[in-house]
């Protein structure tokens, strides 16, 4: 399948997960799911054409590591400032971690080059 592209380039979604907190594999998967869905819904609000194109073309996703809540918060603020759809996941604290813990950040679907400008220093999970 061809890469889906917007007028500016390839469209993708990036999920950034904190690695400084203990989460089991299931919990981590749930947080990634929350981030992906919430960020997608934001993208629909901002540019439905881009979100729909991504949805119907394989839904490219990349999962990256954030070393701390501080880094996650700074990235969230930077993406919001640039008008790139994003969603910060805050856990309800019903299982493994305390309530209010920020666990993940979903970004896009959006132009991959714009996302990469802010995430280039992060490693794959």
N, C-alpha and C. Protein backbone atom coordinates (compact mmCIF):
# COMPACT_ATOMS: atom_id res chain seq x y z
N UNK A 1 0.85 -1.19 0.00
CA UNK A 1 0.00 0.00 0.00
C UNK A 1 0.89 1.25 0.00
N UNK A 2 0.54 2.21 -0.81
CA UNK A 2 1.30 3.45 -0.87
C UNK A 2 1.18 4.22 0.44
N UNK A 3 2.20 4.99 0.72
CA UNK A 3 2.14 5.85 1.90
C UNK A 3 1.06 6.90 1.67
N UNK A 4 0.25 7.15 2.68
CA UNK A 4 -0.75 8.20 2.55
C UNK A 4 -0.06 9.54 2.79
N UNK A 5 -0.40 10.49 1.95
CA UNK A 5 0.28 11.78 2.01
C UNK A 5 -0.75 12.90 2.07
N UNK A 6 -0.42 13.92 2.81
CA UNK A 6 -1.19 15.16 2.77
C UNK A 6 -0.49 16.04 1.74
N UNK A 7 -0.97 17.25 1.58
CA UNK A 7 -0.32 18.17 0.65
C UNK A 7 1.14 18.41 1.06
N UNK A 8 1.44 18.26 2.35
CA UNK A 8 2.78 18.53 2.86
C UNK A 8 3.65 17.28 2.99
N UNK A 9 3.08 16.08 2.93
CA UNK A 9 3.89 14.87 3.07
C UNK A 9 3.15 13.72 3.72
N UNK A 10 3.91 12.70 4.12
CA UNK A 10 3.34 11.48 4.70
C UNK A 10 2.56 11.77 5.99
N UNK A 11 1.44 11.06 6.15
CA UNK A 11 0.61 11.20 7.34
C UNK A 11 0.86 10.01 8.26
N UNK A 12 1.06 10.30 9.55
CA UNK A 12 1.25 9.23 10.53
C UNK A 12 0.75 9.68 11.88
N UNK A 13 0.68 8.72 12.78
CA UNK A 13 0.35 8.99 14.17
C UNK A 13 1.54 8.52 15.02
N UNK A 14 1.85 9.28 16.04
CA UNK A 14 2.93 8.92 16.95
C UNK A 14 2.36 8.86 18.37
N UNK A 15 2.72 7.81 19.07
CA UNK A 15 2.35 7.67 20.47
C UNK A 15 3.65 7.70 21.28
N UNK A 16 3.68 8.54 22.30
CA UNK A 16 4.86 8.69 23.14
C UNK A 16 4.49 8.23 24.56
N UNK A 17 5.25 7.25 25.07
CA UNK A 17 4.93 6.62 26.34
C UNK A 17 6.06 6.88 27.35
N UNK A 18 5.67 7.22 28.57
CA UNK A 18 6.67 7.39 29.62
C UNK A 18 7.30 6.06 29.98
N UNK A 19 8.62 6.08 30.14
CA UNK A 19 9.34 4.87 30.52
C UNK A 19 9.88 4.93 31.95
N UNK A 20 9.58 6.02 32.66
CA UNK A 20 10.07 6.15 34.03
C UNK A 20 9.06 5.68 35.07
N UNK A 21 7.94 5.12 34.62
CA UNK A 21 6.95 4.57 35.54
C UNK A 21 6.75 3.09 35.22
N UNK A 22 6.45 2.32 36.26
CA UNK A 22 6.23 0.88 36.11
C UNK A 22 4.81 0.63 35.62
N UNK A 23 4.71 0.01 34.44
CA UNK A 23 3.42 -0.42 33.91
C UNK A 23 3.59 -1.80 33.32
N UNK A 24 2.66 -2.69 33.63
CA UNK A 24 2.68 -4.00 32.99
C UNK A 24 2.37 -3.84 31.50
N UNK A 25 2.59 -4.91 30.75
CA UNK A 25 2.38 -4.86 29.30
C UNK A 25 0.94 -4.53 28.94
N UNK A 26 -0.01 -5.09 29.67
CA UNK A 26 -1.41 -4.80 29.40
C UNK A 26 -1.76 -3.34 29.68
N UNK A 27 -1.25 -2.83 30.79
CA UNK A 27 -1.49 -1.43 31.16
C UNK A 27 -0.88 -0.51 30.10
N UNK A 28 0.33 -0.81 29.69
CA UNK A 28 1.00 -0.02 28.66
C UNK A 28 0.18 -0.04 27.37
N UNK A 29 -0.29 -1.20 26.98
CA UNK A 29 -1.10 -1.32 25.76
C UNK A 29 -2.38 -0.49 25.88
N UNK A 30 -3.01 -0.51 27.04
CA UNK A 30 -4.23 0.28 27.25
C UNK A 30 -3.95 1.78 27.14
N UNK A 31 -2.83 2.23 27.69
CA UNK A 31 -2.49 3.65 27.63
C UNK A 31 -2.21 4.08 26.20
N UNK A 32 -1.52 3.22 25.43
CA UNK A 32 -1.28 3.50 24.02
C UNK A 32 -2.61 3.59 23.27
N UNK A 33 -3.53 2.67 23.59
CA UNK A 33 -4.85 2.71 22.96
C UNK A 33 -5.60 3.99 23.27
N UNK A 34 -5.57 4.42 24.52
CA UNK A 34 -6.22 5.68 24.90
C UNK A 34 -5.62 6.84 24.11
N UNK A 35 -4.31 6.88 24.03
CA UNK A 35 -3.62 7.97 23.33
C UNK A 35 -3.96 7.98 21.85
N UNK A 36 -3.96 6.80 21.23
CA UNK A 36 -4.24 6.72 19.80
C UNK A 36 -5.65 7.18 19.47
N UNK A 37 -6.62 6.70 20.20
CA UNK A 37 -8.00 7.07 19.92
C UNK A 37 -8.26 8.54 20.22
N UNK A 38 -7.80 9.02 21.36
CA UNK A 38 -8.04 10.42 21.73
C UNK A 38 -7.39 11.38 20.75
N UNK A 39 -6.18 11.06 20.32
CA UNK A 39 -5.48 11.92 19.37
C UNK A 39 -6.17 11.89 18.00
N UNK A 40 -6.62 10.72 17.57
CA UNK A 40 -7.35 10.61 16.31
C UNK A 40 -8.60 11.50 16.34
N UNK A 41 -9.34 11.46 17.45
CA UNK A 41 -10.55 12.29 17.56
C UNK A 41 -10.22 13.78 17.49
N UNK A 42 -9.10 14.18 18.06
CA UNK A 42 -8.65 15.58 17.95
C UNK A 42 -8.35 15.92 16.49
N UNK A 43 -7.69 14.98 15.79
CA UNK A 43 -7.35 15.21 14.39
C UNK A 43 -8.61 15.38 13.54
N UNK A 44 -9.65 14.60 13.84
CA UNK A 44 -10.92 14.74 13.11
C UNK A 44 -11.47 16.15 13.27
N UNK A 45 -11.37 16.70 14.47
CA UNK A 45 -11.84 18.07 14.74
C UNK A 45 -11.04 19.10 13.95
N UNK A 46 -9.74 18.89 13.83
CA UNK A 46 -8.86 19.88 13.21
C UNK A 46 -8.85 19.77 11.69
N UNK A 47 -8.77 18.54 11.16
CA UNK A 47 -8.73 18.36 9.70
C UNK A 47 -9.25 16.97 9.36
N UNK A 48 -10.56 16.88 9.15
CA UNK A 48 -11.21 15.59 8.91
C UNK A 48 -10.65 14.88 7.67
N UNK A 49 -10.27 15.64 6.65
CA UNK A 49 -9.74 15.02 5.43
C UNK A 49 -8.43 14.26 5.71
N UNK A 50 -7.56 14.86 6.47
CA UNK A 50 -6.30 14.21 6.82
C UNK A 50 -6.57 12.98 7.68
N UNK A 51 -7.44 13.12 8.68
CA UNK A 51 -7.76 12.00 9.57
C UNK A 51 -8.39 10.85 8.78
N UNK A 52 -9.31 11.15 7.88
CA UNK A 52 -9.96 10.11 7.09
C UNK A 52 -8.98 9.42 6.15
N UNK A 53 -8.10 10.18 5.53
CA UNK A 53 -7.11 9.60 4.62
C UNK A 53 -6.23 8.61 5.39
N UNK A 54 -5.80 9.00 6.57
CA UNK A 54 -4.96 8.12 7.41
C UNK A 54 -5.75 6.88 7.83
N UNK A 55 -7.00 7.07 8.23
CA UNK A 55 -7.84 5.97 8.70
C UNK A 55 -8.01 4.90 7.63
N UNK A 56 -8.12 5.30 6.38
CA UNK A 56 -8.41 4.37 5.30
C UNK A 56 -7.17 3.92 4.54
N UNK A 57 -6.00 4.14 5.12
CA UNK A 57 -4.77 3.79 4.39
C UNK A 57 -3.76 3.00 5.22
N UNK A 58 -4.21 2.31 6.23
CA UNK A 58 -3.30 1.48 7.01
C UNK A 58 -2.96 2.03 8.38
N UNK A 59 -3.30 3.27 8.66
CA UNK A 59 -3.16 3.86 9.99
C UNK A 59 -1.74 3.74 10.55
N UNK A 60 -0.76 4.27 9.83
CA UNK A 60 0.64 4.19 10.28
C UNK A 60 0.79 4.81 11.67
N UNK A 61 1.41 4.02 12.57
CA UNK A 61 1.66 4.46 13.94
C UNK A 61 3.09 4.14 14.32
N UNK A 62 3.67 5.00 15.11
CA UNK A 62 5.01 4.77 15.66
C UNK A 62 4.92 5.04 17.16
N UNK A 63 5.54 4.17 17.96
CA UNK A 63 5.51 4.34 19.41
C UNK A 63 6.92 4.66 19.89
N UNK A 64 7.03 5.77 20.61
CA UNK A 64 8.32 6.28 21.09
C UNK A 64 8.35 6.34 22.61
N UNK A 65 9.55 6.49 23.16
CA UNK A 65 9.75 6.56 24.61
C UNK A 65 10.01 7.99 25.05
N UNK A 66 9.38 8.37 26.16
CA UNK A 66 9.68 9.63 26.85
C UNK A 66 10.26 9.27 28.20
N UNK A 67 11.38 9.88 28.60
CA UNK A 67 12.03 9.49 29.84
C UNK A 67 11.37 10.03 31.12
N UNK A 68 10.42 11.00 30.96
CA UNK A 68 9.85 11.60 32.17
C UNK A 68 8.54 12.32 31.87
N UNK A 69 7.82 12.63 32.94
CA UNK A 69 6.60 13.43 32.81
C UNK A 69 6.93 14.82 32.28
N UNK A 70 8.05 15.37 32.70
CA UNK A 70 8.46 16.69 32.23
C UNK A 70 8.60 16.72 30.70
N UNK A 71 9.27 15.73 30.15
CA UNK A 71 9.45 15.67 28.70
C UNK A 71 8.11 15.50 28.00
N UNK A 72 7.25 14.64 28.54
CA UNK A 72 5.93 14.43 27.95
C UNK A 72 5.13 15.73 27.96
N UNK A 73 5.18 16.46 29.07
CA UNK A 73 4.46 17.73 29.17
C UNK A 73 4.97 18.79 28.22
N UNK A 74 6.29 18.87 28.07
CA UNK A 74 6.87 19.84 27.14
C UNK A 74 6.49 19.52 25.69
N UNK A 75 6.50 18.24 25.35
CA UNK A 75 6.09 17.85 24.00
C UNK A 75 4.62 18.18 23.76
N UNK A 76 3.77 17.88 24.73
CA UNK A 76 2.35 18.19 24.62
C UNK A 76 2.15 19.69 24.37
N UNK A 77 2.82 20.51 25.14
CA UNK A 77 2.70 21.97 24.98
C UNK A 77 3.19 22.41 23.60
N UNK A 78 4.28 21.84 23.13
CA UNK A 78 4.84 22.20 21.83
C UNK A 78 3.90 21.81 20.69
N UNK A 79 3.33 20.62 20.75
CA UNK A 79 2.39 20.20 19.71
C UNK A 79 1.13 21.06 19.72
N UNK A 80 0.62 21.34 20.90
CA UNK A 80 -0.57 22.21 21.00
C UNK A 80 -0.26 23.60 20.42
N UNK A 81 0.89 24.15 20.75
CA UNK A 81 1.28 25.47 20.27
C UNK A 81 1.30 25.51 18.75
N UNK A 82 1.77 24.44 18.13
CA UNK A 82 1.87 24.38 16.67
C UNK A 82 0.55 24.00 16.01
N UNK A 83 -0.49 23.72 16.79
CA UNK A 83 -1.78 23.36 16.24
C UNK A 83 -1.85 21.94 15.70
N UNK A 84 -0.96 21.09 16.16
CA UNK A 84 -0.94 19.69 15.73
C UNK A 84 -1.82 18.90 16.70
N UNK A 85 -2.77 18.10 16.17
CA UNK A 85 -3.67 17.38 17.07
C UNK A 85 -2.91 16.43 17.99
N UNK A 86 -3.24 16.51 19.27
CA UNK A 86 -2.58 15.67 20.26
C UNK A 86 -3.48 15.49 21.48
N UNK A 87 -3.20 14.44 22.24
CA UNK A 87 -3.98 14.17 23.44
C UNK A 87 -3.06 13.58 24.51
N UNK A 88 -3.09 14.18 25.68
CA UNK A 88 -2.31 13.72 26.81
C UNK A 88 -3.18 12.79 27.66
N UNK A 89 -2.69 11.59 27.94
CA UNK A 89 -3.45 10.61 28.70
C UNK A 89 -3.08 10.73 30.18
N UNK A 90 -4.11 10.91 31.00
CA UNK A 90 -3.95 10.96 32.45
C UNK A 90 -4.72 9.79 33.04
N UNK A 91 -4.03 8.92 33.76
CA UNK A 91 -4.63 7.68 34.26
C UNK A 91 -5.59 7.94 35.41
N UNK A 92 -6.64 7.12 35.46
CA UNK A 92 -7.64 7.23 36.52
C UNK A 92 -7.16 6.61 37.83
N UNK A 93 -6.09 5.83 37.78
CA UNK A 93 -5.52 5.27 38.99
C UNK A 93 -6.27 4.09 39.57
N UNK A 94 -6.96 3.35 38.74
CA UNK A 94 -7.77 2.24 39.24
C UNK A 94 -6.99 0.92 39.33
N UNK A 95 -5.79 0.88 38.77
CA UNK A 95 -5.04 -0.38 38.82
C UNK A 95 -3.61 -0.19 39.31
N UNK A 96 -2.67 0.02 38.41
CA UNK A 96 -1.24 -0.07 38.74
C UNK A 96 -0.56 1.23 39.15
N UNK A 97 -1.11 2.34 38.79
CA UNK A 97 -0.44 3.61 39.05
C UNK A 97 -1.38 4.61 39.71
N UNK A 98 -0.84 5.61 40.39
CA UNK A 98 -1.68 6.57 41.11
C UNK A 98 -2.56 7.40 40.18
N UNK A 99 -3.74 7.81 40.66
CA UNK A 99 -4.61 8.66 39.85
C UNK A 99 -3.91 9.96 39.48
N UNK A 100 -4.16 10.41 38.27
CA UNK A 100 -3.58 11.66 37.80
C UNK A 100 -2.21 11.51 37.14
N UNK A 101 -1.71 10.28 37.08
CA UNK A 101 -0.41 10.05 36.44
C UNK A 101 -0.54 10.24 34.93
N UNK A 102 0.31 11.08 34.38
CA UNK A 102 0.34 11.28 32.93
C UNK A 102 1.19 10.16 32.34
N UNK A 103 0.60 9.35 31.46
CA UNK A 103 1.25 8.14 30.99
C UNK A 103 1.70 8.18 29.54
N UNK A 104 0.94 8.85 28.68
CA UNK A 104 1.22 8.79 27.25
C UNK A 104 0.69 10.04 26.54
N UNK A 105 1.23 10.25 25.36
CA UNK A 105 0.82 11.36 24.51
C UNK A 105 0.58 10.82 23.11
N UNK A 106 -0.61 11.05 22.59
CA UNK A 106 -0.90 10.70 21.21
C UNK A 106 -0.77 11.94 20.35
N UNK A 107 -0.19 11.79 19.17
CA UNK A 107 0.02 12.91 18.26
C UNK A 107 -0.45 12.48 16.86
N UNK A 108 -1.32 13.27 16.28
CA UNK A 108 -1.79 12.99 14.94
C UNK A 108 -2.94 12.01 14.94
N UNK A 109 -3.30 11.60 13.75
CA UNK A 109 -2.56 11.61 12.50
C UNK A 109 -2.37 13.03 11.95
N UNK A 110 -1.16 13.22 11.43
CA UNK A 110 -0.77 14.53 10.91
C UNK A 110 0.43 14.36 10.00
N UNK A 111 0.87 15.45 9.43
CA UNK A 111 2.05 15.43 8.58
C UNK A 111 3.25 14.91 9.36
N UNK A 112 3.84 13.83 8.88
CA UNK A 112 4.95 13.19 9.58
C UNK A 112 6.15 14.09 9.77
N UNK A 113 6.47 14.91 8.77
CA UNK A 113 7.64 15.79 8.88
C UNK A 113 7.46 16.79 10.02
N UNK A 114 6.24 17.29 10.21
CA UNK A 114 5.99 18.23 11.31
C UNK A 114 6.12 17.54 12.66
N UNK A 115 5.61 16.32 12.76
CA UNK A 115 5.73 15.56 14.01
C UNK A 115 7.20 15.26 14.30
N UNK A 116 7.94 14.85 13.26
CA UNK A 116 9.35 14.47 13.43
C UNK A 116 10.21 15.61 13.95
N UNK A 117 9.87 16.84 13.62
CA UNK A 117 10.64 17.99 14.11
C UNK A 117 10.71 18.02 15.63
N UNK A 118 9.64 17.55 16.28
CA UNK A 118 9.60 17.60 17.74
C UNK A 118 9.94 16.26 18.41
N UNK A 119 10.00 15.19 17.63
CA UNK A 119 10.22 13.87 18.24
C UNK A 119 11.53 13.20 17.78
N UNK A 120 12.31 13.87 16.98
CA UNK A 120 13.51 13.26 16.41
C UNK A 120 14.49 12.72 17.46
N UNK A 121 14.52 13.32 18.64
CA UNK A 121 15.47 12.88 19.67
C UNK A 121 14.98 11.68 20.47
N UNK A 122 13.73 11.26 20.27
CA UNK A 122 13.18 10.16 21.03
C UNK A 122 13.47 8.82 20.35
N UNK A 123 13.59 7.76 21.17
CA UNK A 123 13.85 6.41 20.66
C UNK A 123 12.56 5.63 20.53
N UNK A 124 12.59 4.61 19.68
CA UNK A 124 11.45 3.70 19.56
C UNK A 124 11.27 2.91 20.84
N UNK A 125 10.02 2.62 21.19
CA UNK A 125 9.72 1.81 22.36
C UNK A 125 10.03 0.36 22.05
